[in-house]
N, C-alpha and C. Protein backbone atom coordinates (compact mmCIF):
# COMPACT_ATOMS: atom_id res chain seq x y z
N UNK A 1 114.89 138.29 84.69
CA UNK A 1 114.26 137.25 85.47
C UNK A 1 112.92 136.89 84.86
N UNK A 2 112.65 135.61 84.77
CA UNK A 2 111.44 135.10 84.16
C UNK A 2 110.28 135.18 85.13
N UNK A 3 109.08 135.44 84.59
CA UNK A 3 107.87 135.46 85.41
C UNK A 3 107.21 134.10 85.45
N UNK A 4 107.81 133.10 84.78
CA UNK A 4 107.23 131.75 84.76
C UNK A 4 107.33 131.14 86.15
N UNK A 5 106.24 130.53 86.59
CA UNK A 5 106.22 129.84 87.88
C UNK A 5 106.74 128.43 87.66
N UNK A 6 107.62 128.00 88.55
CA UNK A 6 108.17 126.65 88.51
C UNK A 6 107.94 125.97 89.85
N UNK A 7 107.71 124.68 89.82
CA UNK A 7 107.64 123.85 91.03
C UNK A 7 109.03 123.29 91.28
N UNK A 8 109.34 122.99 92.53
CA UNK A 8 110.59 122.37 92.90
C UNK A 8 110.28 121.03 93.57
N UNK A 9 110.89 119.97 93.07
CA UNK A 9 110.70 118.64 93.65
C UNK A 9 111.37 118.58 95.02
N UNK A 10 110.64 118.16 96.03
CA UNK A 10 111.16 118.01 97.39
C UNK A 10 112.15 116.86 97.50
N UNK A 11 112.10 115.95 96.55
CA UNK A 11 112.96 114.77 96.58
C UNK A 11 114.29 115.01 95.89
N UNK A 12 114.27 115.52 94.63
CA UNK A 12 115.50 115.66 93.85
C UNK A 12 115.93 117.10 93.64
N UNK A 13 115.05 118.06 93.93
CA UNK A 13 115.39 119.46 93.76
C UNK A 13 115.20 120.03 92.37
N UNK A 14 114.73 119.20 91.44
CA UNK A 14 114.53 119.64 90.05
C UNK A 14 113.41 120.68 89.97
N UNK A 15 113.62 121.71 89.11
CA UNK A 15 112.56 122.68 88.81
C UNK A 15 111.82 122.19 87.58
N UNK A 16 110.48 122.34 87.60
CA UNK A 16 109.68 121.88 86.49
C UNK A 16 108.39 122.72 86.39
N UNK A 17 107.72 122.64 85.23
CA UNK A 17 106.48 123.39 85.03
C UNK A 17 105.42 122.86 86.00
N UNK A 18 104.54 123.73 86.48
CA UNK A 18 103.49 123.32 87.39
C UNK A 18 102.65 122.16 86.83
N UNK A 19 102.38 121.22 87.70
CA UNK A 19 101.60 120.03 87.35
C UNK A 19 100.85 119.58 88.60
N UNK A 20 99.52 119.62 88.59
CA UNK A 20 98.78 119.24 89.79
C UNK A 20 99.05 117.79 90.25
N UNK A 21 99.47 116.92 89.34
CA UNK A 21 99.75 115.54 89.72
C UNK A 21 101.01 115.41 90.57
N UNK A 22 101.77 116.49 90.69
CA UNK A 22 103.00 116.44 91.48
C UNK A 22 102.76 116.89 92.94
N UNK A 23 101.54 117.36 93.22
CA UNK A 23 101.22 117.79 94.59
C UNK A 23 100.55 116.62 95.32
N UNK A 24 101.21 116.16 96.36
CA UNK A 24 100.73 115.01 97.13
C UNK A 24 100.43 115.40 98.56
N UNK A 25 99.42 114.77 99.13
CA UNK A 25 99.13 114.99 100.55
C UNK A 25 100.27 114.40 101.38
N UNK A 26 100.63 115.11 102.42
CA UNK A 26 101.68 114.67 103.32
C UNK A 26 101.03 114.00 104.53
N UNK A 27 101.26 112.69 104.65
CA UNK A 27 100.70 111.93 105.77
C UNK A 27 101.80 111.68 106.79
N UNK A 28 101.45 111.87 108.05
CA UNK A 28 102.39 111.65 109.15
C UNK A 28 101.76 110.63 110.08
N UNK A 29 102.54 109.65 110.49
CA UNK A 29 102.05 108.67 111.45
C UNK A 29 103.10 108.42 112.50
N UNK A 30 102.65 108.17 113.71
CA UNK A 30 103.60 107.87 114.78
C UNK A 30 104.22 106.50 114.56
N UNK A 31 105.50 106.39 114.87
CA UNK A 31 106.22 105.14 114.73
C UNK A 31 106.96 104.87 116.03
N UNK A 32 106.84 103.67 116.50
CA UNK A 32 107.53 103.29 117.73
C UNK A 32 108.94 102.82 117.39
N UNK A 33 109.93 103.45 118.00
CA UNK A 33 111.33 103.13 117.78
C UNK A 33 111.96 102.82 119.13
N UNK A 34 112.63 101.68 119.27
CA UNK A 34 113.31 101.39 120.53
C UNK A 34 114.30 102.50 120.89
N UNK A 35 114.39 102.83 122.16
CA UNK A 35 115.23 103.94 122.61
C UNK A 35 116.67 103.80 122.16
N UNK A 36 117.18 102.58 122.12
CA UNK A 36 118.60 102.40 121.74
C UNK A 36 118.83 102.62 120.25
N UNK A 37 117.75 102.74 119.45
CA UNK A 37 117.89 102.99 118.01
C UNK A 37 117.65 104.44 117.64
N UNK A 38 117.21 105.29 118.58
CA UNK A 38 116.92 106.68 118.28
C UNK A 38 118.14 107.42 117.74
N UNK A 39 119.30 107.16 118.27
CA UNK A 39 120.54 107.82 117.83
C UNK A 39 120.92 107.49 116.40
N UNK A 40 120.37 106.41 115.85
CA UNK A 40 120.70 105.99 114.49
C UNK A 40 119.87 106.70 113.44
N UNK A 41 118.85 107.44 113.85
CA UNK A 41 117.97 108.13 112.91
C UNK A 41 118.59 109.45 112.49
N UNK A 42 118.70 109.73 111.18
CA UNK A 42 119.28 110.97 110.68
C UNK A 42 118.23 112.05 110.53
N UNK A 43 116.99 111.68 110.52
CA UNK A 43 115.92 112.60 110.17
C UNK A 43 115.70 113.66 111.24
N UNK A 44 115.94 114.93 110.89
CA UNK A 44 115.76 115.99 111.85
C UNK A 44 114.27 116.22 112.19
N UNK A 45 113.38 115.64 111.38
CA UNK A 45 111.95 115.79 111.64
C UNK A 45 111.44 114.80 112.68
N UNK A 46 112.30 113.97 113.21
CA UNK A 46 111.92 112.97 114.20
C UNK A 46 111.77 113.63 115.56
N UNK A 47 110.62 113.41 116.17
CA UNK A 47 110.37 113.91 117.52
C UNK A 47 110.00 112.73 118.41
N UNK A 48 110.48 112.74 119.63
CA UNK A 48 110.05 111.74 120.59
C UNK A 48 108.67 112.13 121.09
N UNK A 49 107.99 111.19 121.72
CA UNK A 49 106.67 111.48 122.29
C UNK A 49 106.76 112.63 123.28
N UNK A 50 107.78 112.63 124.14
CA UNK A 50 107.94 113.71 125.14
C UNK A 50 108.19 115.07 124.46
N UNK A 51 109.01 115.07 123.38
CA UNK A 51 109.27 116.31 122.68
C UNK A 51 108.01 116.86 122.05
N UNK A 52 107.21 115.97 121.43
CA UNK A 52 105.96 116.39 120.81
C UNK A 52 105.01 116.96 121.86
N UNK A 53 104.91 116.30 123.01
CA UNK A 53 104.02 116.78 124.09
C UNK A 53 104.47 118.15 124.62
N UNK A 54 105.77 118.40 124.61
CA UNK A 54 106.31 119.64 125.20
C UNK A 54 106.23 120.85 124.28
N UNK A 55 105.91 120.67 122.98
CA UNK A 55 105.88 121.79 122.06
C UNK A 55 104.76 122.78 122.39
N UNK A 56 105.08 124.06 122.35
CA UNK A 56 104.07 125.08 122.55
C UNK A 56 103.21 125.22 121.30
N UNK A 57 102.12 125.96 121.40
CA UNK A 57 101.26 126.19 120.24
C UNK A 57 102.03 126.87 119.12
N UNK A 58 102.91 127.82 119.46
CA UNK A 58 103.71 128.50 118.45
C UNK A 58 104.70 127.53 117.78
N UNK A 59 105.31 126.67 118.57
CA UNK A 59 106.25 125.68 117.99
C UNK A 59 105.52 124.70 117.09
N UNK A 60 104.32 124.28 117.49
CA UNK A 60 103.53 123.41 116.66
C UNK A 60 103.22 124.08 115.32
N UNK A 61 102.80 125.35 115.38
CA UNK A 61 102.47 126.10 114.18
C UNK A 61 103.69 126.21 113.25
N UNK A 62 104.87 126.40 113.83
CA UNK A 62 106.10 126.51 113.03
C UNK A 62 106.40 125.24 112.24
N UNK A 63 106.00 124.08 112.76
CA UNK A 63 106.24 122.85 112.01
C UNK A 63 104.99 122.35 111.28
N UNK A 64 103.95 123.19 111.23
CA UNK A 64 102.77 122.88 110.44
C UNK A 64 101.75 121.97 111.11
N UNK A 65 101.77 121.95 112.45
CA UNK A 65 100.82 121.12 113.18
C UNK A 65 99.90 122.01 114.03
N UNK A 66 98.76 121.47 114.36
CA UNK A 66 97.83 122.11 115.28
C UNK A 66 97.80 121.31 116.58
N UNK A 67 97.28 121.88 117.65
CA UNK A 67 97.13 121.07 118.87
C UNK A 67 96.29 119.81 118.64
N UNK A 68 95.26 119.88 117.78
CA UNK A 68 94.44 118.72 117.50
C UNK A 68 95.26 117.66 116.76
N UNK A 69 96.10 118.06 115.83
CA UNK A 69 96.96 117.10 115.13
C UNK A 69 97.91 116.42 116.12
N UNK A 70 98.44 117.20 117.07
CA UNK A 70 99.32 116.60 118.09
C UNK A 70 98.54 115.55 118.90
N UNK A 71 97.31 115.90 119.29
CA UNK A 71 96.50 114.96 120.06
C UNK A 71 96.32 113.67 119.28
N UNK A 72 96.04 113.78 117.97
CA UNK A 72 95.84 112.59 117.14
C UNK A 72 97.12 111.76 117.05
N UNK A 73 98.26 112.41 116.83
CA UNK A 73 99.52 111.67 116.79
C UNK A 73 99.81 110.96 118.11
N UNK A 74 99.58 111.65 119.21
CA UNK A 74 99.82 111.05 120.52
C UNK A 74 98.86 109.89 120.79
N UNK A 75 97.70 109.90 120.12
CA UNK A 75 96.73 108.81 120.24
C UNK A 75 97.05 107.67 119.29
N UNK A 76 98.12 107.82 118.51
CA UNK A 76 98.52 106.76 117.57
C UNK A 76 97.88 106.83 116.21
N UNK A 77 97.23 107.95 115.90
CA UNK A 77 96.52 108.09 114.62
C UNK A 77 97.42 108.74 113.57
N UNK A 78 97.16 108.39 112.30
CA UNK A 78 97.82 109.04 111.16
C UNK A 78 97.10 110.35 110.89
N UNK A 79 97.85 111.39 110.49
CA UNK A 79 97.25 112.68 110.16
C UNK A 79 97.67 113.11 108.75
N UNK A 80 96.93 114.01 108.15
CA UNK A 80 97.30 114.65 106.91
C UNK A 80 97.71 116.06 107.25
N UNK A 81 98.95 116.40 106.93
CA UNK A 81 99.49 117.70 107.33
C UNK A 81 100.02 118.44 106.10
N UNK A 82 99.09 118.97 105.31
CA UNK A 82 99.51 119.75 104.17
C UNK A 82 99.88 118.89 102.97
N UNK A 83 100.82 119.42 102.19
CA UNK A 83 101.21 118.72 100.99
C UNK A 83 102.69 118.82 100.73
N UNK A 84 103.11 118.07 99.71
CA UNK A 84 104.51 118.04 99.32
C UNK A 84 104.54 117.92 97.80
N UNK A 85 105.54 118.52 97.20
CA UNK A 85 105.68 118.54 95.75
C UNK A 85 106.78 117.55 95.35
N UNK A 86 106.42 116.52 94.61
CA UNK A 86 107.38 115.51 94.15
C UNK A 86 107.13 115.29 92.66
N UNK A 87 108.21 115.46 91.86
CA UNK A 87 108.07 115.31 90.41
C UNK A 87 107.64 113.90 90.03
N UNK A 88 107.10 113.77 88.84
CA UNK A 88 106.57 112.48 88.37
C UNK A 88 107.69 111.44 88.31
N UNK A 89 108.89 111.83 87.89
CA UNK A 89 110.00 110.87 87.82
C UNK A 89 110.31 110.30 89.20
N UNK A 90 110.37 111.14 90.21
CA UNK A 90 110.64 110.66 91.58
C UNK A 90 109.48 109.81 92.09
N UNK A 91 108.25 110.19 91.76
CA UNK A 91 107.09 109.37 92.17
C UNK A 91 107.20 107.99 91.55
N UNK A 92 107.60 107.93 90.27
CA UNK A 92 107.77 106.63 89.60
C UNK A 92 108.84 105.79 90.27
N UNK A 93 109.95 106.43 90.65
CA UNK A 93 111.04 105.71 91.35
C UNK A 93 110.55 105.19 92.70
N UNK A 94 109.78 106.01 93.41
CA UNK A 94 109.27 105.61 94.72
C UNK A 94 108.29 104.46 94.59
N UNK A 95 107.45 104.48 93.57
CA UNK A 95 106.51 103.37 93.35
C UNK A 95 107.26 102.08 93.01
N UNK A 96 108.32 102.21 92.22
CA UNK A 96 109.14 101.04 91.87
C UNK A 96 109.82 100.46 93.09
N UNK A 97 110.23 101.28 94.00
CA UNK A 97 110.91 100.81 95.21
C UNK A 97 109.92 100.13 96.15
N UNK A 98 108.65 100.53 96.11
CA UNK A 98 107.63 99.93 96.97
C UNK A 98 107.22 98.53 96.50
N UNK A 99 107.45 98.24 95.23
CA UNK A 99 107.01 96.94 94.70
C UNK A 99 107.96 95.83 94.99
């Protein structure tokens, strides 16, 4: 087994040599979705306002949030919640899709 440290891209799963440019801040913002469209969302990270309000401090900690972050989200504010590792190739693809 190699002692070399490798990063894993959260987008494509590729392993690559550590590169600080691949570590990005993870921003979370509340999004209003009509109730009849909630069932169409595949994302398991989606929480309704009521679900977010009902989370205990331990449950918040498990998903990387603090009570203050929850308060900010419920107030409609964007938060920074840690980071995410995305390889340069996937970042380039994402930038191309945004244009």
